[in-house]
Amino acid sequence: MHHFTTEPLPVGDRYEAWRNRGWPSLAPVLESDAPGVPFDAVIDTLDLGGVPLSFTRITGLRYHRDAPLIRRDGIDHYGLMLMTRGAYRGDAAGIGFEGRAGSLLVGDFARACDMESSDAHSITISLPRRIAEAAIPDLARQHGRVISPERAAMLTDFVVSLHRNAASLRATDMPRLTRILFDLIAGAIDCDTTDGPVPVGGDARLWRARRLIDAQLGARDLDVDLLCAMMRVSRATLYRLFEPLGGVAAYIRHERLARAAKMIDDGASPQSIAAVAHACGFGDAAHFSRAFRLRYGESPSERRARNQGIVSSRDAQAGDPRDVSAPIETLV
């Protein structure tokens, strides 16, 4: 948990100190007008597995996000704001909105927005676009939507609990807590998670599952339980969807190895083989090498050396590349 407060600063320096904070602070994401009263801000930021949650108490401000700022900062996230105290109103790309304590505002940082708020306590959830749209495809149509306090109550209770118990959270807790967070967001928005640009003749659930897998390939805990929880389907349904593709485990292994091969083939990539394995969700480089050799008929090091036109003496002494007798790691 990262803590920021303007309290010890001279009154005249507080607004600029807040303005100069970096991402995931909203200060650089939204232009704001200097307040006409003494400014105060207290912000705790929790990184929940790559999803920043900011718990903020701040003086009332007017915010803007326009096309030049969007092009300049390139931040490609959704922002969900839970207002726990205060009120706000504004315009999101031509859509007027207003909310009160307890409500949830959905915003897209790639689109214009103007907003003003009273002195407020709020919780902002910053969702990377690729992961957010894979988990909740309908999110793309929610810019400027305000969710009632009643619909947002369970999500609010959960994130408030995260803040209260942040000191006891472990790194191993983050993936599961992130899954719960996405499920509660989907429930609050009450969207049809099977909507989206599904290929003609395709099954919407399989399309969404494949998008989720693509977004989570680097996560070691990517498994059937994770996919079922994020899609809200049974294991039997998931197995049936992937049966034409050889099964869930086979599909994930295929996609991980394909991504690894692409990374290895990139001659400009400085990553080690171990780093490639980790980035593609393999917990052990040796297991990764065996799986890669079974798929492609050569080890990752041999493939890299061949692509570079270099014969590695170390690889040449590593043994018969056809030796695939060692068991392959079960990925799912």
Protein backbone atom coordinates (compact mmCIF):
# COMPACT_ATOMS: atom_id res chain seq x y z
CA MET A 1 0.00 0.00 0.00
CA HIS A 2 1.40 3.41 -0.98
CA HIS A 3 0.31 6.38 1.13
CA PHE A 4 0.26 10.03 0.03
CA THR A 5 -0.93 13.06 1.99
CA THR A 6 -0.67 16.82 1.55
CA GLU A 7 -1.09 17.42 5.30
CA PRO A 8 2.57 18.19 6.17
CA LEU A 9 3.02 20.53 3.18
CA PRO A 10 2.53 24.31 3.16
CA VAL A 11 -1.01 25.14 2.05
CA GLY A 12 0.24 26.92 -1.07
CA ASP A 13 2.19 23.84 -2.23
CA ARG A 14 -0.43 21.17 -1.69
CA TYR A 15 -2.35 21.33 -4.97
CA GLU A 16 0.81 21.24 -7.09
CA ALA A 17 2.24 18.37 -5.04
CA TRP A 18 -0.91 16.39 -5.80
CA ARG A 19 -0.86 17.46 -9.45
CA ASN A 20 2.72 16.24 -9.90
CA ARG A 21 2.06 12.69 -8.74
CA GLY A 22 2.45 10.03 -11.39
CA TRP A 23 0.18 7.26 -12.61
CA PRO A 24 -1.92 5.56 -11.23
CA SER A 25 -2.89 8.86 -9.62
CA LEU A 26 -5.74 10.51 -11.52
CA ALA A 27 -3.91 13.83 -11.33
CA PRO A 28 -2.05 13.36 -14.65
CA VAL A 29 -5.01 11.60 -16.28
CA LEU A 30 -7.50 14.41 -15.70
CA GLU A 31 -6.70 18.08 -16.04
CA SER A 32 -8.16 20.05 -13.14
CA ASP A 33 -8.83 23.63 -12.14
CA ALA A 34 -7.05 24.91 -9.04
CA PRO A 35 -9.55 25.11 -6.18
CA GLY A 36 -10.55 28.46 -4.72
CA VAL A 37 -10.17 27.08 -1.18
CA PRO A 38 -7.27 25.43 0.68
CA PHE A 39 -6.56 22.08 -0.95
CA ASP A 40 -6.16 18.75 0.85
CA ALA A 41 -5.71 15.20 -0.42
CA VAL A 42 -5.05 11.87 1.27
CA ILE A 43 -4.60 8.85 -1.02
CA ASP A 44 -3.83 5.19 -0.35
CA THR A 45 -3.01 3.14 -3.45
CA LEU A 46 -3.22 -0.66 -3.47
CA ASP A 47 -1.91 -2.68 -6.43
CA LEU A 48 -4.22 -5.66 -6.77
CA GLY A 49 -2.36 -7.84 -9.24
CA GLY A 50 -1.77 -5.04 -11.75
CA VAL A 51 -5.11 -3.33 -11.05
CA PRO A 52 -4.51 -0.12 -9.03
CA LEU A 53 -7.12 0.82 -6.43
CA SER A 54 -6.92 4.39 -5.10
CA PHE A 55 -8.70 5.32 -1.87
CA THR A 56 -8.98 9.10 -1.86
CA ARG A 57 -10.15 11.95 0.34
CA ILE A 58 -9.91 15.20 -1.60
CA THR A 59 -11.12 18.77 -1.85
CA GLY A 60 -13.83 19.41 -4.44
CA LEU A 61 -12.47 20.00 -7.96
CA ARG A 62 -13.49 20.33 -11.59
CA TYR A 63 -11.82 17.80 -13.90
CA HIS A 64 -11.40 17.60 -17.69
CA ARG A 65 -10.11 14.97 -20.10
CA ASP A 66 -10.01 15.92 -23.77
CA ALA A 67 -8.58 14.63 -27.05
CA PRO A 68 -5.15 16.35 -26.79
CA LEU A 69 -4.58 14.94 -23.31
CA ILE A 70 -5.72 11.48 -24.41
CA ARG A 71 -3.24 11.54 -27.32
CA ARG A 72 -0.47 12.88 -25.11
CA ASP A 73 -0.54 10.42 -22.22
CA GLY A 74 -1.71 7.30 -24.07
CA ILE A 75 -3.26 5.82 -20.92
CA ASP A 76 -5.48 2.97 -22.09
CA HIS A 77 -7.56 2.08 -19.05
CA TYR A 78 -11.09 2.16 -17.78
CA GLY A 79 -11.69 4.08 -14.57
CA LEU A 80 -14.43 3.04 -12.14
CA MET A 81 -15.14 5.50 -9.33
CA LEU A 82 -17.04 4.49 -6.22
CA MET A 83 -18.11 7.64 -4.39
CA THR A 84 -18.44 6.83 -0.69
CA ARG A 85 -19.02 10.44 0.42
CA GLY A 86 -19.93 13.49 -1.66
CA ALA A 87 -21.58 14.07 -5.03
CA TYR A 88 -20.57 14.68 -8.65
CA ARG A 89 -21.94 15.54 -12.05
CA GLY A 90 -20.56 15.94 -15.55
CA ASP A 91 -20.55 15.03 -19.22
CA ALA A 92 -18.98 11.93 -20.79
CA ALA A 93 -18.55 12.37 -24.56
CA GLY A 94 -21.95 14.10 -24.77
CA ILE A 95 -23.70 11.98 -22.14
CA GLY A 96 -24.70 13.86 -18.98
CA PHE A 97 -24.38 12.11 -15.64
CA GLU A 98 -24.64 12.77 -11.92
CA GLY A 99 -24.14 10.62 -8.88
CA ARG A 100 -24.24 10.57 -5.12
CA ALA A 101 -22.62 8.74 -2.25
CA GLY A 102 -22.60 5.01 -2.87
CA SER A 103 -22.91 5.19 -6.65
CA LEU A 104 -20.44 3.82 -9.21
CA LEU A 105 -19.32 5.89 -12.22
CA VAL A 106 -17.88 4.02 -15.22
CA GLY A 107 -15.41 5.94 -17.40
CA ASP A 108 -13.17 5.20 -20.37
CA PHE A 109 -9.86 7.11 -20.25
CA ALA A 110 -9.67 6.93 -24.05
CA ARG A 111 -12.78 9.16 -24.32
CA ALA A 112 -13.51 12.76 -23.34
CA CYS A 113 -15.03 13.63 -19.98
CA ASP A 114 -15.80 16.71 -17.85
CA MET A 115 -16.72 16.36 -14.20
CA GLU A 116 -17.01 18.38 -11.02
CA SER A 117 -17.28 16.96 -7.52
CA SER A 118 -17.80 18.20 -4.02
CA ASP A 119 -15.35 17.45 -1.23
CA ALA A 120 -15.33 13.70 -1.56
CA HIS A 121 -14.24 10.30 -0.36
CA SER A 122 -13.92 7.93 -3.31
CA ILE A 123 -12.38 4.69 -4.52
CA THR A 124 -11.03 4.57 -8.08
CA ILE A 125 -10.37 1.25 -9.82
CA SER A 126 -8.10 1.47 -12.88
CA LEU A 127 -8.63 -1.44 -15.28
CA PRO A 128 -6.18 -2.13 -18.16
CA ARG A 129 -8.29 -2.20 -21.32
CA ARG A 130 -7.12 -5.53 -22.69
CA ILE A 131 -7.88 -7.41 -19.49
CA ALA A 132 -11.08 -5.47 -18.71
CA GLU A 133 -12.68 -6.01 -22.11
CA ALA A 134 -11.74 -9.69 -22.11
CA ALA A 135 -13.39 -10.16 -18.71
CA ILE A 136 -16.35 -7.78 -19.27
CA PRO A 137 -16.86 -7.16 -23.01
CA ASP A 138 -19.88 -4.91 -22.41
CA LEU A 139 -17.68 -2.46 -20.50
CA ALA A 140 -16.87 -0.72 -23.80
CA ARG A 141 -20.42 0.67 -23.92
CA GLN A 142 -20.58 1.97 -20.35
CA HIS A 143 -18.69 5.31 -20.57
CA GLY A 144 -20.52 7.85 -18.39
CA ARG A 145 -22.93 5.34 -16.88
CA VAL A 146 -23.79 5.75 -13.19
CA ILE A 147 -24.69 2.61 -11.24
CA SER A 148 -27.01 3.02 -8.26
CA PRO A 149 -25.71 2.57 -4.70
CA GLU A 150 -27.92 -0.49 -4.35
CA ARG A 151 -26.36 -2.21 -7.38
CA ALA A 152 -22.83 -1.16 -6.36
CA ALA A 153 -23.13 -2.12 -2.68
CA MET A 154 -21.38 -5.51 -2.82
CA LEU A 155 -18.51 -4.11 -4.90
CA THR A 156 -18.16 -1.21 -2.45
CA ASP A 157 -18.12 -3.53 0.56
CA PHE A 158 -15.43 -5.69 -1.06
CA VAL A 159 -13.02 -2.89 -1.97
CA VAL A 160 -13.51 -1.18 1.40
CA SER A 161 -12.59 -4.51 3.02
CA LEU A 162 -9.46 -4.69 0.84
CA HIS A 163 -8.41 -1.27 2.12
CA ARG A 164 -9.09 -2.21 5.71
CA ASN A 165 -7.15 -5.49 5.47
CA ALA A 166 -4.39 -4.38 3.09
CA ALA A 167 -1.63 -5.01 5.62
CA SER A 168 -2.49 -8.71 5.81
CA LEU A 169 -2.74 -9.35 2.05
CA ARG A 170 -0.09 -11.60 0.49
CA ALA A 171 1.14 -11.61 -3.09
CA THR A 172 -0.36 -15.08 -3.52
CA ASP A 173 -3.80 -13.67 -2.61
CA MET A 174 -3.85 -11.16 -5.47
CA PRO A 175 -4.93 -13.33 -8.44
CA ARG A 176 -7.97 -14.72 -6.62
CA LEU A 177 -8.94 -11.33 -5.21
CA THR A 178 -8.65 -9.83 -8.70
CA ARG A 179 -11.03 -12.47 -10.03
CA ILE A 180 -13.54 -11.62 -7.31
CA LEU A 181 -13.17 -7.93 -8.13
CA PHE A 182 -13.97 -8.46 -11.82
CA ASP A 183 -16.95 -10.65 -11.00
CA LEU A 184 -18.37 -8.03 -8.65
CA ILE A 185 -17.85 -5.30 -11.26
CA ALA A 186 -19.73 -7.38 -13.82
CA GLY A 187 -22.50 -7.94 -11.28
CA ALA A 188 -22.76 -4.23 -10.43
CA ILE A 189 -22.88 -3.22 -14.09
CA ASP A 190 -25.33 -6.07 -14.69
CA CYS A 191 -24.08 -6.48 -18.24
CA ASP A 192 -24.50 -9.41 -20.55
CA THR A 193 -20.96 -10.73 -20.60
CA THR A 194 -21.64 -12.69 -23.77
CA ASP A 195 -22.13 -9.51 -25.80
CA GLY A 196 -19.44 -8.25 -28.16
CA PRO A 197 -18.15 -8.71 -31.70
CA VAL A 198 -18.43 -12.51 -31.77
CA PRO A 199 -17.20 -14.03 -35.03
CA VAL A 200 -20.04 -15.06 -37.36
CA GLY A 201 -21.10 -18.61 -36.59
CA GLY A 202 -19.08 -18.68 -33.37
CA ASP A 203 -20.14 -19.40 -29.80
CA ALA A 204 -20.02 -16.21 -27.73
CA ARG A 205 -18.86 -18.08 -24.63
CA LEU A 206 -15.97 -19.76 -26.43
CA TRP A 207 -14.98 -16.44 -28.01
CA ARG A 208 -14.94 -14.79 -24.60
CA ALA A 209 -13.04 -17.67 -22.97
CA ARG A 210 -10.35 -17.44 -25.65
CA ARG A 211 -10.05 -13.68 -25.09
CA LEU A 212 -9.67 -14.26 -21.35
CA ILE A 213 -6.97 -16.86 -21.94
CA ASP A 214 -5.10 -14.53 -24.27
CA ALA A 215 -5.22 -11.75 -21.67
CA GLN A 216 -4.08 -14.03 -18.83
CA LEU A 217 -1.49 -16.26 -20.54
CA GLY A 218 1.29 -14.96 -18.32
CA ALA A 219 -0.59 -15.82 -15.11
CA ARG A 220 0.58 -19.09 -13.57
CA ASP A 221 -2.79 -19.56 -11.86
CA LEU A 222 -4.65 -19.58 -15.19
CA ASP A 223 -6.77 -22.69 -14.89
CA VAL A 224 -10.27 -24.09 -15.31
CA ASP A 225 -11.45 -22.69 -11.97
CA LEU A 226 -10.27 -19.19 -12.89
CA LEU A 227 -12.02 -19.29 -16.28
CA CYS A 228 -15.22 -20.66 -14.75
CA ALA A 229 -15.23 -17.94 -12.08
CA MET A 230 -14.64 -15.10 -14.55
CA MET A 231 -17.18 -16.42 -17.07
CA ARG A 232 -19.67 -17.67 -14.49
CA VAL A 233 -20.10 -21.05 -16.16
CA SER A 234 -19.72 -24.61 -14.88
CA ARG A 235 -16.67 -26.79 -15.48
CA ALA A 236 -18.81 -29.09 -17.64
CA THR A 237 -19.81 -26.15 -19.84
CA LEU A 238 -16.21 -25.01 -20.21
CA TYR A 239 -15.02 -28.51 -21.11
CA ARG A 240 -17.79 -28.82 -23.70
CA LEU A 241 -16.85 -25.48 -25.29
CA PHE A 242 -13.21 -26.48 -25.71
CA GLU A 243 -13.79 -30.07 -26.77
CA PRO A 244 -13.43 -29.24 -30.51
CA LEU A 245 -10.07 -27.58 -29.70
CA GLY A 246 -8.67 -30.59 -27.84
CA GLY A 247 -9.65 -29.44 -24.35
CA VAL A 248 -8.96 -26.46 -22.11
CA ALA A 249 -5.49 -27.56 -20.96
CA ALA A 250 -4.34 -28.37 -24.49
CA TYR A 251 -5.58 -25.03 -25.79
CA ILE A 252 -3.82 -23.04 -23.04
CA ARG A 253 -0.59 -25.01 -23.58
CA HIS A 254 -0.83 -24.44 -27.35
CA GLU A 255 -1.31 -20.68 -26.93
CA ARG A 256 1.48 -20.37 -24.35
CA LEU A 257 3.95 -22.19 -26.55
CA ALA A 258 2.88 -20.20 -29.61
CA ARG A 259 3.46 -16.94 -27.77
CA ALA A 260 6.82 -18.19 -26.49
CA ALA A 261 7.88 -19.13 -30.02
CA LYS A 262 6.93 -15.68 -31.25
CA MET A 263 8.97 -14.05 -28.49
CA ILE A 264 11.98 -16.26 -29.22
CA ASP A 265 11.72 -15.55 -32.95
CA ASP A 266 11.87 -11.83 -32.24
CA GLY A 267 15.54 -11.17 -32.86
CA ALA A 268 15.31 -7.78 -31.15
CA SER A 269 14.11 -9.30 -27.87
CA PRO A 270 16.83 -9.34 -25.18
CA GLN A 271 14.85 -11.65 -22.87
CA SER A 272 16.45 -14.82 -21.61
CA ILE A 273 14.76 -18.18 -22.17
CA ALA A 274 13.84 -18.26 -18.48
CA ALA A 275 12.22 -14.82 -18.79
CA VAL A 276 10.25 -15.97 -21.85
CA ALA A 277 9.06 -19.03 -19.91
CA HIS A 278 7.92 -16.86 -17.01
CA ALA A 279 6.19 -14.35 -19.29
CA CYS A 280 4.21 -17.16 -20.91
CA GLY A 281 3.00 -18.67 -17.64
CA PHE A 282 5.52 -21.49 -17.16
CA GLY A 283 6.82 -21.78 -13.63
CA ASP A 284 9.98 -23.69 -14.51
CA ALA A 285 12.34 -23.18 -17.46
CA ALA A 286 13.20 -26.89 -17.68
CA HIS A 287 9.55 -27.92 -17.96
CA PHE A 288 9.07 -25.15 -20.53
CA SER A 289 12.01 -26.43 -22.61
CA ARG A 290 10.66 -29.99 -22.63
CA ALA A 291 7.17 -28.83 -23.66
CA PHE A 292 8.64 -26.56 -26.33
CA ARG A 293 10.80 -29.36 -27.75
CA LEU A 294 7.84 -31.72 -27.91
CA ARG A 295 5.86 -29.11 -29.84
CA TYR A 296 8.56 -27.76 -32.18
CA GLY A 297 11.20 -30.49 -32.31
CA GLU A 298 13.94 -28.28 -30.86
CA SER A 299 14.71 -26.56 -27.61
CA PRO A 300 14.04 -22.81 -27.15
CA SER A 301 17.80 -22.16 -27.13
CA GLU A 302 18.30 -24.14 -30.33
CA ARG A 303 15.49 -22.24 -32.02
CA ARG A 304 16.96 -18.90 -31.02
CA ALA A 305 20.44 -19.94 -32.16
CA ARG A 306 19.08 -21.22 -35.49
CA ASN A 307 17.19 -17.97 -36.06
CA GLN A 308 20.33 -16.01 -35.34
CA GLY A 309 22.41 -18.25 -37.58
CA ILE A 310 24.64 -19.23 -34.65
CA VAL A 311 25.61 -22.74 -33.60
CA SER A 312 25.69 -22.88 -29.83
CA SER A 313 28.25 -25.36 -28.58
CA ARG A 314 26.44 -25.53 -25.27
CA ASP A 315 23.19 -26.51 -26.96
CA ALA A 316 25.03 -29.04 -29.11
CA GLN A 317 26.21 -30.80 -25.95
CA ALA A 318 22.78 -30.71 -24.34
CA GLY A 319 21.74 -34.07 -25.74
CA ASP A 320 19.51 -35.54 -28.42
CA PRO A 321 16.75 -33.02 -29.21
CA ARG A 322 14.45 -35.95 -29.88
CA ASP A 323 14.62 -37.02 -26.24
CA VAL A 324 11.20 -36.10 -24.91
CA SER A 325 10.89 -38.85 -22.34
CA ALA A 326 10.73 -36.44 -19.41
CA PRO A 327 7.17 -35.64 -18.32
CA ILE A 328 5.70 -32.33 -19.46
CA GLU A 329 4.39 -30.01 -16.79
CA THR A 330 0.64 -30.09 -16.36
CA LEU A 331 -0.39 -26.48 -16.96
CA VAL A 332 -4.04 -26.72 -16.03
